Amino acid sequence: MAKKRGLEFVARDVECVKENARHIFEICSDNVNYVNNPEGLLNIIAVIGPAEFSGQRFEKAVLCEIGLGGKVPYARLRASETKKVPRRNKEFLISEKQYKQVAALIFRLLQELVDGRAKNLNNLSRFALSPRHWLARGKKNPQITEVAVIACKGIKFSVDCRDIFLLADFYWAVFQKYARRVQWVAKAIYYTARNFRWDLNRDFRTSVEFLWIQEFLETKLPLRFLRIAALEALPDGKANLCFPYIAEALGWDGLPTKEWEICLSVLPNPFFRVGKIEISIAPGMKEELRKIKLKPRKYVIFRVFPSKDVVQARDRFLLEER
């Protein structure tokens, strides 16, 4: 947390957000007021409300920001030589009570923004070839075929890592989206590893089964912490003979992942806040940062998908065009 700031600096950030943010939720005691500013330069969702910092009380402060599209929370913006928006300071954290007041409204707005944009996109859905992994009866090795599927694009949002309540709900939604797939992948790994002849003292890491499991994990679960979740979900757990080999390939030390720990910190009854919204995480960025040894960023980029009704309507239109 930054050093203690005076009232004028906090008021400056509030006025900056009120003037430039496109979506604002203002918490006033037991009420939440929503302000839509389509002409705003900052494509963000901002939450304003009372806060306290180092014994100093503020009636209005910027509690939370969510970046929409490619925008980053709290970042400065230079629209032109004359139109500039300064960087806001992350001095305050939204309280549990305040978050419960505004959380459901935030997720509802996110879904409405995605659905509204999706209805106007001609490329919302596209046909793509997806590998299909399956086990044929009587065949020793798993089979792979390519099937044409309709892939739906989502829209990116960024959340500051210090907004732990919001971050926990987002991760909870991600785990809910992939829960059934994680269980299915775990069973496929179990039955594939069982085909390996462990009694012949061969190296499992050079086997066809191991190579297939690696490709299968990368194809079906795009995020590393979901692959680890599938490994943990094996029917016989760590007792499975393939467990240490796959854990080594994933670079996992056996401890709970940071994403899972954040998910466990979620507040009670997350479904009433999140609803049926589908959320994933934009993969690949953390691995790239690790390779080039840059300082890790302070936000996580999520991808929110259109609701099923909007997707089905667009897919019917796409199929008719074909």
C-alpha atoms as a PDB file:
ATOM      1  CA  MET A   1       0.000   0.000   0.000  1.00  0.00           C
ATOM      2  CA  ALA A   2       1.307   3.436  -0.862  1.00  0.00           C
ATOM      3  CA  LYS A   3       2.039   6.130   1.658  1.00  0.00           C
ATOM      4  CA  LYS A   4      -0.753   8.089   3.306  1.00  0.00           C
ATOM      5  CA  ARG A   5      -2.290  10.573   0.929  1.00  0.00           C
ATOM      6  CA  GLY A   6      -4.116  13.819   1.593  1.00  0.00           C
ATOM      7  CA  LEU A   7      -7.755  14.491   0.969  1.00  0.00           C
ATOM      8  CA  GLU A   8      -7.039  16.512  -2.177  1.00  0.00           C
ATOM      9  CA  PHE A   9      -5.285  13.606  -3.928  1.00  0.00           C
ATOM     10  CA  VAL A  10      -8.099  11.169  -3.176  1.00  0.00           C
ATOM     11  CA  ALA A  11     -10.666  13.712  -4.358  1.00  0.00           C
ATOM     12  CA  ARG A  12      -8.642  14.227  -7.554  1.00  0.00           C
ATOM     13  CA  ASP A  13      -8.790  10.502  -8.369  1.00  0.00           C
ATOM     14  CA  VAL A  14     -12.540  10.429  -7.697  1.00  0.00           C
ATOM     15  CA  GLU A  15     -13.181  13.406  -9.968  1.00  0.00           C
ATOM     16  CA  CYS A  16     -10.961  11.888 -12.654  1.00  0.00           C
ATOM     17  CA  VAL A  17     -12.939   8.640 -12.582  1.00  0.00           C
ATOM     18  CA  LYS A  18     -16.320  10.403 -12.513  1.00  0.00           C
ATOM     19  CA  GLU A  19     -15.374  12.472 -15.521  1.00  0.00           C
ATOM     20  CA  ASN A  20     -13.683   9.811 -17.660  1.00  0.00           C
ATOM     21  CA  ALA A  21     -14.891   6.314 -16.670  1.00  0.00           C
ATOM     22  CA  ARG A  22     -17.598   4.833 -18.882  1.00  0.00           C
ATOM     23  CA  HIS A  23     -19.232   2.761 -16.130  1.00  0.00           C
ATOM     24  CA  ILE A  24     -19.377   3.842 -12.484  1.00  0.00           C
ATOM     25  CA  PHE A  25     -20.921   2.208  -9.420  1.00  0.00           C
ATOM     26  CA  GLU A  26     -21.165   4.582  -6.469  1.00  0.00           C
ATOM     27  CA  ILE A  27     -21.881   3.057  -3.049  1.00  0.00           C
ATOM     28  CA  CYS A  28     -23.942   5.339  -0.804  1.00  0.00           C
ATOM     29  CA  SER A  29     -24.653   3.674   2.563  1.00  0.00           C
ATOM     30  CA  ASP A  30     -27.097   0.881   1.627  1.00  0.00           C
ATOM     31  CA  ASN A  31     -27.688   1.969  -1.976  1.00  0.00           C
ATOM     32  CA  VAL A  32     -25.630   1.551  -5.139  1.00  0.00           C
ATOM     33  CA  ASN A  33     -26.013   4.096  -7.937  1.00  0.00           C
ATOM     34  CA  TYR A  34     -24.967   3.272 -11.493  1.00  0.00           C
ATOM     35  CA  VAL A  35     -23.766   5.948 -13.929  1.00  0.00           C
ATOM     36  CA  ASN A  36     -23.209   5.251 -17.629  1.00  0.00           C
ATOM     37  CA  ASN A  37     -20.888   7.660 -19.418  1.00  0.00           C
ATOM     38  CA  PRO A  38     -20.555   6.478 -23.049  1.00  0.00           C
ATOM     39  CA  GLU A  39     -18.360   9.475 -23.929  1.00  0.00           C
ATOM     40  CA  GLY A  40     -15.798   8.642 -21.231  1.00  0.00           C
ATOM     41  CA  LEU A  41     -12.179   8.193 -22.287  1.00  0.00           C
ATOM     42  CA  LEU A  42     -11.511   5.388 -19.789  1.00  0.00           C
ATOM     43  CA  ASN A  43     -13.047   2.091 -20.888  1.00  0.00           C
ATOM     44  CA  ILE A  44     -13.324   0.766 -17.336  1.00  0.00           C
ATOM     45  CA  ILE A  45     -15.819  -0.161 -14.639  1.00  0.00           C
ATOM     46  CA  ALA A  46     -15.085   1.861 -11.508  1.00  0.00           C
ATOM     47  CA  VAL A  47     -16.432   1.490  -7.980  1.00  0.00           C
ATOM     48  CA  ILE A  48     -16.549   4.568  -5.733  1.00  0.00           C
ATOM     49  CA  GLY A  49     -17.514   4.575  -2.075  1.00  0.00           C
ATOM     50  CA  PRO A  50     -16.516   5.567   1.466  1.00  0.00           C
ATOM     51  CA  ALA A  51     -13.170   4.284   2.733  1.00  0.00           C
ATOM     52  CA  GLU A  52     -10.705   4.616   5.586  1.00  0.00           C
ATOM     53  CA  PHE A  53      -6.926   4.568   5.387  1.00  0.00           C
ATOM     54  CA  SER A  54      -4.447   4.986   8.269  1.00  0.00           C
ATOM     55  CA  GLY A  55      -7.134   6.391  10.520  1.00  0.00           C
ATOM     56  CA  GLN A  56      -8.271   8.956   7.950  1.00  0.00           C
ATOM     57  CA  ARG A  57     -11.895   8.806   6.768  1.00  0.00           C
ATOM     58  CA  PHE A  58     -12.852   9.546   3.155  1.00  0.00           C
ATOM     59  CA  GLU A  59     -16.474   9.924   2.101  1.00  0.00           C
ATOM     60  CA  LYS A  60     -15.623   9.093  -1.521  1.00  0.00           C
ATOM     61  CA  ALA A  61     -12.659   7.125  -2.842  1.00  0.00           C
ATOM     62  CA  VAL A  62     -11.852   4.909  -5.816  1.00  0.00           C
ATOM     63  CA  LEU A  63     -12.228   1.382  -4.423  1.00  0.00           C
ATOM     64  CA  CYS A  64     -11.912  -0.773  -7.525  1.00  0.00           C
ATOM     65  CA  GLU A  65     -11.368  -0.633 -11.276  1.00  0.00           C
ATOM     66  CA  ILE A  66     -11.913  -3.273 -13.966  1.00  0.00           C
ATOM     67  CA  GLY A  67     -10.325  -2.738 -17.373  1.00  0.00           C
ATOM     68  CA  LEU A  68     -12.580  -3.427 -20.364  1.00  0.00           C
ATOM     69  CA  GLY A  69     -11.216  -4.742 -23.634  1.00  0.00           C
ATOM     70  CA  GLY A  70      -7.507  -3.951 -23.814  1.00  0.00           C
ATOM     71  CA  LYS A  71      -7.573  -1.320 -21.064  1.00  0.00           C
ATOM     72  CA  VAL A  72      -5.710  -1.812 -17.787  1.00  0.00           C
ATOM     73  CA  PRO A  73      -7.061  -0.695 -14.385  1.00  0.00           C
ATOM     74  CA  TYR A  74      -5.516   2.447 -12.874  1.00  0.00           C
ATOM     75  CA  ALA A  75      -3.353   3.091 -15.957  1.00  0.00           C
ATOM     76  CA  ARG A  76      -2.848   6.532 -17.467  1.00  0.00           C
ATOM     77  CA  LEU A  77      -4.301   7.335 -20.882  1.00  0.00           C
ATOM     78  CA  ARG A  78      -3.154   9.709 -23.581  1.00  0.00           C
ATOM     79  CA  ALA A  79      -5.952  10.063 -26.112  1.00  0.00           C
ATOM     80  CA  SER A  80      -4.353  13.071 -27.833  1.00  0.00           C
ATOM     81  CA  GLU A  81      -2.022  15.971 -27.110  1.00  0.00           C
ATOM     82  CA  THR A  82      -4.813  17.790 -25.283  1.00  0.00           C
ATOM     83  CA  LYS A  83      -6.781  14.877 -23.829  1.00  0.00           C
ATOM     84  CA  LYS A  84      -4.842  13.062 -21.112  1.00  0.00           C
ATOM     85  CA  VAL A  85      -6.060  11.033 -18.128  1.00  0.00           C
ATOM     86  CA  PRO A  86      -3.595  10.658 -15.235  1.00  0.00           C
ATOM     87  CA  ARG A  87      -2.902   7.418 -13.440  1.00  0.00           C
ATOM     88  CA  ARG A  88      -5.106   6.686 -10.414  1.00  0.00           C
ATOM     89  CA  ASN A  89      -3.562   5.326  -7.239  1.00  0.00           C
ATOM     90  CA  LYS A  90      -4.574   2.004  -5.705  1.00  0.00           C
ATOM     91  CA  GLU A  91      -4.776   3.264  -2.136  1.00  0.00           C
ATOM     92  CA  PHE A  92      -7.957   1.558  -0.951  1.00  0.00           C
ATOM     93  CA  LEU A  93      -9.409  -1.945  -0.923  1.00  0.00           C
ATOM     94  CA  ILE A  94     -13.121  -2.567  -1.201  1.00  0.00           C
ATOM     95  CA  SER A  95     -14.519  -4.026   2.023  1.00  0.00           C
ATOM     96  CA  GLU A  96     -16.408  -7.310   2.222  1.00  0.00           C
ATOM     97  CA  LYS A  97     -19.703  -5.530   2.892  1.00  0.00           C
ATOM     98  CA  GLN A  98     -19.202  -3.130  -0.004  1.00  0.00           C
ATOM     99  CA  TYR A  99     -18.241  -5.937  -2.355  1.00  0.00           C
ATOM    100  CA  LYS A 100     -21.376  -7.915  -1.520  1.00  0.00           C
ATOM    101  CA  GLN A 101     -23.419  -4.822  -2.342  1.00  0.00           C
ATOM    102  CA  VAL A 102     -21.929  -4.299  -5.787  1.00  0.00           C
ATOM    103  CA  ALA A 103     -20.615  -7.709  -6.960  1.00  0.00           C
ATOM    104  CA  ALA A 104     -23.801  -9.032  -8.579  1.00  0.00           C
ATOM    105  CA  LEU A 105     -24.257  -5.706 -10.402  1.00  0.00           C
ATOM    106  CA  ILE A 106     -20.702  -5.861 -11.757  1.00  0.00           C
ATOM    107  CA  PHE A 107     -21.058  -9.384 -13.170  1.00  0.00           C
ATOM    108  CA  ARG A 108     -24.478  -8.573 -14.621  1.00  0.00           C
ATOM    109  CA  LEU A 109     -23.009  -5.509 -16.343  1.00  0.00           C
ATOM    110  CA  LEU A 110     -20.091  -7.554 -17.692  1.00  0.00           C
ATOM    111  CA  GLN A 111     -22.490 -10.058 -19.244  1.00  0.00           C
ATOM    112  CA  GLU A 112     -24.631  -7.283 -20.735  1.00  0.00           C
ATOM    113  CA  LEU A 113     -21.576  -5.583 -22.252  1.00  0.00           C
ATOM    114  CA  VAL A 114     -20.339  -8.828 -23.797  1.00  0.00           C
ATOM    115  CA  ASP A 115     -23.778  -9.793 -25.143  1.00  0.00           C
ATOM    116  CA  GLY A 116     -24.349  -6.314 -26.530  1.00  0.00           C
ATOM    117  CA  ARG A 117     -21.060  -6.345 -28.382  1.00  0.00           C
ATOM    118  CA  ALA A 118     -21.490  -9.953 -29.509  1.00  0.00           C
ATOM    119  CA  LYS A 119     -24.781  -9.176 -31.247  1.00  0.00           C
ATOM    120  CA  ASN A 120     -22.979  -6.647 -33.440  1.00  0.00           C
ATOM    121  CA  LEU A 121     -19.990  -8.837 -34.302  1.00  0.00           C
ATOM    122  CA  ASN A 122     -19.914 -10.740 -37.569  1.00  0.00           C
ATOM    123  CA  ASN A 123     -17.024 -12.884 -36.342  1.00  0.00           C
ATOM    124  CA  LEU A 124     -18.445 -13.877 -32.952  1.00  0.00           C
ATOM    125  CA  SER A 125     -18.207 -17.547 -33.919  1.00  0.00           C
ATOM    126  CA  ARG A 126     -15.958 -19.312 -36.354  1.00  0.00           C
ATOM    127  CA  PHE A 127     -15.458 -22.867 -37.535  1.00  0.00           C
ATOM    128  CA  ALA A 128     -12.209 -24.469 -36.430  1.00  0.00           C
ATOM    129  CA  LEU A 129     -10.667 -27.929 -36.476  1.00  0.00           C
ATOM    130  CA  SER A 130     -10.325 -29.301 -32.965  1.00  0.00           C
ATOM    131  CA  PRO A 131      -8.409 -32.525 -32.169  1.00  0.00           C
ATOM    132  CA  ARG A 132     -10.640 -35.233 -30.757  1.00  0.00           C
ATOM    133  CA  HIS A 133      -8.892 -37.773 -28.525  1.00  0.00           C
ATOM    134  CA  TRP A 134     -10.586 -41.113 -27.997  1.00  0.00           C
ATOM    135  CA  LEU A 135      -9.824 -44.652 -26.917  1.00  0.00           C
ATOM    136  CA  ALA A 136     -10.852 -47.328 -29.422  1.00  0.00           C
ATOM    137  CA  ARG A 137     -11.813 -50.758 -28.133  1.00  0.00           C
ATOM    138  CA  GLY A 138      -9.199 -53.305 -29.071  1.00  0.00           C
ATOM    139  CA  LYS A 139      -6.586 -50.645 -29.897  1.00  0.00           C
ATOM    140  CA  LYS A 140      -3.494 -50.294 -27.753  1.00  0.00           C
ATOM    141  CA  ASN A 141      -2.797 -46.616 -28.451  1.00  0.00           C
ATOM    142  CA  PRO A 142      -5.272 -43.718 -28.174  1.00  0.00           C
ATOM    143  CA  GLN A 143      -6.675 -42.347 -31.428  1.00  0.00           C
ATOM    144  CA  ILE A 144      -6.763 -38.721 -32.589  1.00  0.00           C
ATOM    145  CA  THR A 145      -9.076 -37.277 -35.221  1.00  0.00           C
ATOM    146  CA  GLU A 146      -9.987 -33.723 -36.176  1.00  0.00           C
ATOM    147  CA  VAL A 147     -13.574 -32.535 -35.879  1.00  0.00           C
ATOM    148  CA  ALA A 148     -15.046 -29.227 -37.105  1.00  0.00           C
ATOM    149  CA  VAL A 149     -16.493 -27.329 -34.160  1.00  0.00           C
ATOM    150  CA  ILE A 150     -17.856 -23.813 -33.634  1.00  0.00           C
ATOM    151  CA  ALA A 151     -15.396 -21.838 -31.514  1.00  0.00           C
ATOM    152  CA  CYS A 152     -16.829 -18.822 -29.697  1.00  0.00           C
ATOM    153  CA  LYS A 153     -14.693 -15.781 -28.994  1.00  0.00           C
ATOM    154  CA  GLY A 154     -14.846 -13.944 -25.698  1.00  0.00           C
ATOM    155  CA  ILE A 155     -14.003 -10.378 -24.707  1.00  0.00           C
ATOM    156  CA  LYS A 156     -11.096  -9.548 -22.397  1.00  0.00           C
ATOM    157  CA  PHE A 157     -11.296  -7.849 -19.016  1.00  0.00           C
ATOM    158  CA  SER A 158      -8.461  -7.112 -16.584  1.00  0.00           C
ATOM    159  CA  VAL A 159      -8.625  -7.233 -12.777  1.00  0.00           C
ATOM    160  CA  ASP A 160      -6.057  -5.866 -10.344  1.00  0.00           C
ATOM    161  CA  CYS A 161      -4.420  -8.592  -8.242  1.00  0.00           C
ATOM    162  CA  ARG A 162      -5.062  -6.609  -5.045  1.00  0.00           C
ATOM    163  CA  ASP A 163      -8.851  -6.763  -5.463  1.00  0.00           C
ATOM    164  CA  ILE A 164      -8.921 -10.183  -3.821  1.00  0.00           C
ATOM    165  CA  PHE A 165     -12.704 -10.522  -3.439  1.00  0.00           C
ATOM    166  CA  LEU A 166     -13.284  -9.854  -7.137  1.00  0.00           C
ATOM    167  CA  LEU A 167     -10.320 -12.007  -8.138  1.00  0.00           C
ATOM    168  CA  ALA A 168     -11.608 -14.951  -6.067  1.00  0.00           C
ATOM    169  CA  ASP A 169     -15.025 -14.801  -7.747  1.00  0.00           C
ATOM    170  CA  PHE A 170     -13.411 -14.710 -11.190  1.00  0.00           C
ATOM    171  CA  TYR A 171     -11.228 -17.744 -10.411  1.00  0.00           C
ATOM    172  CA  TRP A 172     -14.221 -19.555  -8.936  1.00  0.00           C
ATOM    173  CA  ALA A 173     -16.099 -18.976 -12.198  1.00  0.00           C
ATOM    174  CA  VAL A 174     -13.117 -20.303 -14.185  1.00  0.00           C
ATOM    175  CA  PHE A 175     -12.977 -23.501 -12.123  1.00  0.00           C
ATOM    176  CA  GLN A 176     -16.736 -23.927 -12.497  1.00  0.00           C
ATOM    177  CA  LYS A 177     -16.473 -23.594 -16.271  1.00  0.00           C
ATOM    178  CA  TYR A 178     -13.839 -26.336 -16.496  1.00  0.00           C
ATOM    179  CA  ALA A 179     -14.953 -28.561 -13.583  1.00  0.00           C
ATOM    180  CA  ARG A 180     -16.558 -31.310 -15.669  1.00  0.00           C
ATOM    181  CA  ARG A 181     -13.771 -31.224 -18.249  1.00  0.00           C
ATOM    182  CA  VAL A 182     -11.126 -31.566 -15.516  1.00  0.00           C
ATOM    183  CA  GLN A 183     -12.837 -34.726 -14.223  1.00  0.00           C
ATOM    184  CA  TRP A 184     -13.148 -36.131 -17.744  1.00  0.00           C
ATOM    185  CA  VAL A 185      -9.469 -35.418 -18.526  1.00  0.00           C
ATOM    186  CA  ALA A 186      -8.419 -37.075 -15.253  1.00  0.00           C
ATOM    187  CA  LYS A 187     -10.273 -40.282 -16.196  1.00  0.00           C
ATOM    188  CA  ALA A 188      -8.749 -40.273 -19.686  1.00  0.00           C
ATOM    189  CA  ILE A 189      -5.252 -39.944 -18.191  1.00  0.00           C
ATOM    190  CA  TYR A 190      -5.986 -42.773 -15.762  1.00  0.00           C
ATOM    191  CA  TYR A 191      -7.114 -45.227 -18.441  1.00  0.00           C
ATOM    192  CA  THR A 192      -4.308 -44.238 -20.826  1.00  0.00           C
ATOM    193  CA  ALA A 193      -1.586 -44.700 -18.207  1.00  0.00           C
ATOM    194  CA  ARG A 194      -3.078 -48.065 -17.318  1.00  0.00           C
ATOM    195  CA  ASN A 195      -2.224 -49.359 -20.817  1.00  0.00           C
ATOM    196  CA  PHE A 196       1.491 -48.884 -20.152  1.00  0.00           C
ATOM    197  CA  ARG A 197       3.395 -52.050 -19.202  1.00  0.00           C
ATOM    198  CA  TRP A 198       4.889 -50.954 -15.901  1.00  0.00           C
ATOM    199  CA  ASP A 199       6.267 -54.431 -15.230  1.00  0.00           C
ATOM    200  CA  LEU A 200       8.792 -54.243 -18.108  1.00  0.00           C
ATOM    201  CA  ASN A 201      10.937 -51.573 -16.386  1.00  0.00           C
ATOM    202  CA  ARG A 202      10.685 -49.182 -19.348  1.00  0.00           C
ATOM    203  CA  ASP A 203      10.943 -45.400 -19.013  1.00  0.00           C
ATOM    204  CA  PHE A 204       7.410 -44.012 -18.994  1.00  0.00           C
ATOM    205  CA  ARG A 205       8.637 -40.608 -20.209  1.00  0.00           C
ATOM    206  CA  THR A 206       9.593 -42.061 -23.605  1.00  0.00           C
ATOM    207  CA  SER A 207       6.383 -44.029 -24.071  1.00  0.00           C
ATOM    208  CA  VAL A 208       3.567 -43.297 -26.510  1.00  0.00           C
ATOM    209  CA  GLU A 209       1.135 -43.019 -23.589  1.00  0.00           C
ATOM    210  CA  PHE A 210       3.125 -40.263 -21.896  1.00  0.00           C
ATOM    211  CA  LEU A 211       3.493 -38.228 -25.096  1.00  0.00           C
ATOM    212  CA  TRP A 212      -0.227 -38.588 -25.767  1.00  0.00           C
ATOM    213  CA  ILE A 213      -1.114 -37.469 -22.230  1.00  0.00           C
ATOM    214  CA  GLN A 214       1.052 -34.350 -22.618  1.00  0.00           C
ATOM    215  CA  GLU A 215      -0.597 -33.401 -25.903  1.00  0.00           C
ATOM    216  CA  PHE A 216      -4.019 -34.236 -24.496  1.00  0.00           C
ATOM    217  CA  LEU A 217      -3.527 -31.943 -21.487  1.00  0.00           C
ATOM    218  CA  GLU A 218      -2.291 -29.036 -23.607  1.00  0.00           C
ATOM    219  CA  THR A 219      -5.197 -29.412 -26.044  1.00  0.00           C
ATOM    220  CA  LYS A 220      -8.081 -29.843 -23.610  1.00  0.00           C
ATOM    221  CA  LEU A 221      -6.913 -27.632 -20.720  1.00  0.00           C
ATOM    222  CA  PRO A 222      -5.242 -24.409 -21.913  1.00  0.00           C
ATOM    223  CA  LEU A 223      -4.162 -23.270 -18.430  1.00  0.00           C
ATOM    224  CA  ARG A 224      -1.441 -24.846 -16.310  1.00  0.00           C
ATOM    225  CA  PHE A 225      -3.353 -24.739 -13.007  1.00  0.00           C
ATOM    226  CA  LEU A 226      -6.254 -26.601 -14.659  1.00  0.00           C
ATOM    227  CA  ARG A 227      -3.868 -29.336 -15.840  1.00  0.00           C
ATOM    228  CA  ILE A 228      -2.605 -29.638 -12.286  1.00  0.00           C
ATOM    229  CA  ALA A 229      -6.217 -29.842 -11.078  1.00  0.00           C
ATOM    230  CA  ALA A 230      -6.804 -32.735 -13.503  1.00  0.00           C
ATOM    231  CA  LEU A 231      -3.703 -34.494 -12.177  1.00  0.00           C
ATOM    232  CA  GLU A 232      -4.976 -34.095  -8.609  1.00  0.00           C
ATOM    233  CA  ALA A 233      -8.357 -35.483  -9.704  1.00  0.00           C
ATOM    234  CA  LEU A 234      -6.938 -38.858 -10.789  1.00  0.00           C
ATOM    235  CA  PRO A 235      -9.119 -41.687  -9.372  1.00  0.00           C
ATOM    236  CA  ASP A 236      -6.217 -43.054  -7.320  1.00  0.00           C
ATOM    237  CA  GLY A 237      -4.510 -39.676  -6.751  1.00  0.00           C
ATOM    238  CA  LYS A 238      -0.791 -39.636  -5.992  1.00  0.00           C
ATOM    239  CA  ALA A 239      -0.764 -43.435  -5.791  1.00  0.00           C
ATOM    240  CA  ASN A 240      -1.003 -43.574  -9.597  1.00  0.00           C
ATOM    241  CA  LEU A 241       2.349 -44.613 -11.050  1.00  0.00           C
ATOM    242  CA  CYS A 242       2.201 -41.899 -13.723  1.00  0.00           C
ATOM    243  CA  PHE A 243       1.636 -39.109 -11.183  1.00  0.00           C
ATOM    244  CA  PRO A 244       5.297 -38.111 -10.519  1.00  0.00           C
ATOM    245  CA  TYR A 245       6.174 -38.129 -14.224  1.00  0.00           C
ATOM    246  CA  ILE A 246       3.311 -35.835 -15.232  1.00  0.00           C
ATOM    247  CA  ALA A 247       3.899 -33.568 -12.220  1.00  0.00           C
ATOM    248  CA  GLU A 248       7.535 -33.228 -13.285  1.00  0.00           C
ATOM    249  CA  ALA A 249       6.509 -32.394 -16.856  1.00  0.00           C
ATOM    250  CA  LEU A 250       4.163 -29.687 -15.535  1.00  0.00           C
ATOM    251  CA  GLY A 251       6.844 -28.288 -13.226  1.00  0.00           C
ATOM    252  CA  TRP A 252       4.612 -28.842 -10.207  1.00  0.00           C
ATOM    253  CA  ASP A 253       6.061 -29.365  -6.722  1.00  0.00           C
ATOM    254  CA  GLY A 254       2.887 -30.899  -5.266  1.00  0.00           C
ATOM    255  CA  LEU A 255       1.796 -27.782  -3.351  1.00  0.00           C
ATOM    256  CA  PRO A 256      -1.581 -26.080  -3.998  1.00  0.00           C
ATOM    257  CA  THR A 257      -1.398 -23.621  -6.873  1.00  0.00           C
ATOM    258  CA  LYS A 258      -1.796 -19.910  -6.244  1.00  0.00           C
ATOM    259  CA  GLU A 259      -4.956 -19.878  -8.366  1.00  0.00           C
ATOM    260  CA  TRP A 260      -6.543 -22.622  -6.295  1.00  0.00           C
ATOM    261  CA  GLU A 261      -5.677 -20.847  -3.035  1.00  0.00           C
ATOM    262  CA  ILE A 262      -7.340 -17.675  -4.338  1.00  0.00           C
ATOM    263  CA  CYS A 263     -10.391 -19.707  -5.358  1.00  0.00           C
ATOM    264  CA  LEU A 264     -10.640 -21.201  -1.851  1.00  0.00           C
ATOM    265  CA  SER A 265     -10.773 -17.680  -0.369  1.00  0.00           C
ATOM    266  CA  VAL A 266     -14.031 -16.932  -2.213  1.00  0.00           C
ATOM    267  CA  LEU A 267     -16.848 -15.473  -0.125  1.00  0.00           C
ATOM    268  CA  PRO A 268     -19.904 -17.665   0.635  1.00  0.00           C
ATOM    269  CA  ASN A 269     -22.596 -18.139  -2.048  1.00  0.00           C
ATOM    270  CA  PRO A 270     -20.540 -17.076  -5.095  1.00  0.00           C
ATOM    271  CA  PHE A 271     -23.209 -18.327  -7.514  1.00  0.00           C
ATOM    272  CA  PHE A 272     -25.613 -15.594  -6.376  1.00  0.00           C
ATOM    273  CA  ARG A 273     -23.011 -12.998  -7.347  1.00  0.00           C
ATOM    274  CA  VAL A 274     -21.488 -14.552 -10.467  1.00  0.00           C
ATOM    275  CA  GLY A 275     -24.548 -16.281 -11.902  1.00  0.00           C
ATOM    276  CA  LYS A 276     -24.124 -18.348 -15.081  1.00  0.00           C
ATOM    277  CA  ILE A 277     -21.449 -16.139 -16.603  1.00  0.00           C
ATOM    278  CA  GLU A 278     -18.687 -18.064 -18.422  1.00  0.00           C
ATOM    279  CA  ILE A 279     -15.149 -16.869 -17.702  1.00  0.00           C
ATOM    280  CA  SER A 280     -11.722 -18.089 -18.730  1.00  0.00           C
ATOM    281  CA  ILE A 281      -8.199 -16.654 -18.529  1.00  0.00           C
ATOM    282  CA  ALA A 282      -6.135 -15.445 -21.464  1.00  0.00           C
ATOM    283  CA  PRO A 283      -3.323 -18.075 -21.518  1.00  0.00           C
ATOM    284  CA  GLY A 284       0.332 -17.755 -22.455  1.00  0.00           C
ATOM    285  CA  MET A 285       1.272 -14.368 -20.989  1.00  0.00           C
ATOM    286  CA  LYS A 286       2.760 -15.627 -17.722  1.00  0.00           C
ATOM    287  CA  GLU A 287       4.937 -18.140 -19.566  1.00  0.00           C
ATOM    288  CA  GLU A 288       6.223 -15.402 -21.892  1.00  0.00           C
ATOM    289  CA  LEU A 289       7.007 -13.110 -18.946  1.00  0.00           C
ATOM    290  CA  ARG A 290       8.867 -15.924 -17.231  1.00  0.00           C
ATOM    291  CA  LYS A 291      10.999 -16.592 -20.325  1.00  0.00           C
ATOM    292  CA  ILE A 292      12.113 -13.003 -20.853  1.00  0.00           C
ATOM    293  CA  LYS A 293      12.457 -12.368 -17.096  1.00  0.00           C
ATOM    294  CA  LEU A 294      10.223  -9.328 -16.849  1.00  0.00           C
ATOM    295  CA  LYS A 295       8.631  -8.112 -13.650  1.00  0.00           C
ATOM    296  CA  PRO A 296       5.223  -9.845 -13.314  1.00  0.00           C
ATOM    297  CA  ARG A 297       2.242  -7.622 -13.957  1.00  0.00           C
ATOM    298  CA  LYS A 298      -0.183  -6.582 -11.221  1.00  0.00           C
ATOM    299  CA  TYR A 299      -3.362  -7.648 -12.991  1.00  0.00           C
ATOM    300  CA  VAL A 300      -4.929 -10.763 -14.483  1.00  0.00           C
ATOM    301  CA  ILE A 301      -6.627 -10.806 -17.883  1.00  0.00           C
ATOM    302  CA  PHE A 302      -9.874 -12.771 -18.008  1.00  0.00           C
ATOM    303  CA  ARG A 303     -12.056 -13.579 -20.988  1.00  0.00           C
ATOM    304  CA  VAL A 304     -15.845 -13.341 -20.598  1.00  0.00           C
ATOM    305  CA  PHE A 305     -17.997 -15.223 -23.123  1.00  0.00           C
ATOM    306  CA  PRO A 306     -21.429 -14.288 -24.496  1.00  0.00           C
ATOM    307  CA  SER A 307     -24.455 -15.964 -22.954  1.00  0.00           C
ATOM    308  CA  LYS A 308     -25.721 -19.161 -24.557  1.00  0.00           C
ATOM    309  CA  ASP A 309     -28.822 -17.529 -26.035  1.00  0.00           C
ATOM    310  CA  VAL A 310     -26.717 -15.010 -27.958  1.00  0.00           C
ATOM    311  CA  VAL A 311     -24.255 -17.675 -29.113  1.00  0.00           C
ATOM    312  CA  GLN A 312     -26.992 -20.017 -30.326  1.00  0.00           C
ATOM    313  CA  ALA A 313     -28.684 -17.221 -32.284  1.00  0.00           C
ATOM    314  CA  ARG A 314     -25.391 -16.266 -33.950  1.00  0.00           C
ATOM    315  CA  ASP A 315     -24.492 -19.900 -34.671  1.00  0.00           C
ATOM    316  CA  ARG A 316     -27.834 -20.503 -36.386  1.00  0.00           C
ATOM    317  CA  PHE A 317     -27.169 -17.481 -38.570  1.00  0.00           C
ATOM    318  CA  LEU A 318     -23.633 -18.721 -39.334  1.00  0.00           C
ATOM    319  CA  LEU A 319     -24.853 -22.214 -40.238  1.00  0.00           C
ATOM    320  CA  GLU A 320     -27.492 -20.791 -42.569  1.00  0.00           C
ATOM    321  CA  GLU A 321     -24.842 -18.749 -44.366  1.00  0.00           C
ATOM    322  CA  ARG A 322     -22.754 -21.868 -44.940  1.00  0.00           C
END
